[in-house]
Protein backbone atom coordinates (compact mmCIF):
# COMPACT_ATOMS: atom_id res chain seq x y z
CA MET A 1 0.00 0.00 0.00
CA GLY A 2 1.06 3.59 -0.54
CA ASN A 3 1.16 6.57 1.76
CA LEU A 4 -2.34 7.29 3.08
CA ASP A 5 -1.56 10.81 4.32
CA THR A 6 -3.62 13.47 2.63
CA PRO A 7 -2.61 17.13 2.69
CA ALA A 8 -5.36 17.81 5.22
CA THR A 9 -4.12 15.15 7.65
CA VAL A 10 -0.48 16.26 7.44
CA ARG A 11 -1.45 19.91 7.90
CA GLY A 12 -3.77 19.01 10.77
CA ARG A 13 -1.07 16.99 12.52
CA LEU A 14 1.35 19.90 12.16
CA VAL A 15 -1.16 22.35 13.64
CA LYS A 16 -1.93 20.05 16.57
CA ALA A 17 1.76 19.39 17.23
CA ALA A 18 2.54 23.12 17.11
CA LEU A 19 -0.27 23.96 19.53
CA ASP A 20 0.85 21.23 21.91
CA CYS A 21 4.45 22.46 21.76
CA PHE A 22 3.56 26.13 22.24
CA LEU A 23 1.32 25.31 25.20
CA ALA A 24 4.08 23.26 26.81
CA ASP A 25 7.00 25.64 26.23
CA ASP A 26 7.99 29.20 25.34
CA TYR A 27 7.50 30.25 21.70
CA HIS A 28 11.21 30.96 21.24
CA ARG A 29 12.23 27.54 22.55
CA VAL A 30 9.95 25.64 20.16
CA THR A 31 11.67 24.76 16.90
CA THR A 32 10.18 23.79 13.58
CA ARG A 33 12.24 20.61 13.81
CA LEU A 34 10.51 19.71 17.10
CA ILE A 35 7.06 20.43 15.64
CA ALA A 36 7.77 18.25 12.60
CA LYS A 37 9.08 15.43 14.78
CA LYS A 38 6.01 15.47 17.05
CA ALA A 39 3.73 15.54 13.99
CA GLY A 40 5.58 12.68 12.31
CA ALA A 41 6.11 14.85 9.25
CA ASN A 42 9.04 16.08 7.21
CA ILE A 43 10.30 19.49 8.34
CA SER A 44 9.88 20.82 4.79
CA MET A 45 6.11 20.41 5.15
CA ILE A 46 6.02 23.31 7.64
CA ARG A 47 7.42 25.69 5.04
CA TYR A 48 5.16 24.18 2.36
CA TYR A 49 1.95 24.74 4.35
CA PHE A 50 2.78 27.75 6.52
CA GLY A 51 5.93 29.51 5.27
CA ASN A 52 7.59 29.53 8.71
CA LYS A 53 6.97 29.02 12.41
């Protein structure tokens, strides 16, 4: 089987991971690398969907 991730699910996971990270720590201590890791996504997807942090 192929990858079942749709753009909506990847974007949604990134948003949820970012919210969780920002609620748990200071904005300046949260990195895009950490957000991507928690979302199980490639770091380049953050720039693709949002431009930056």
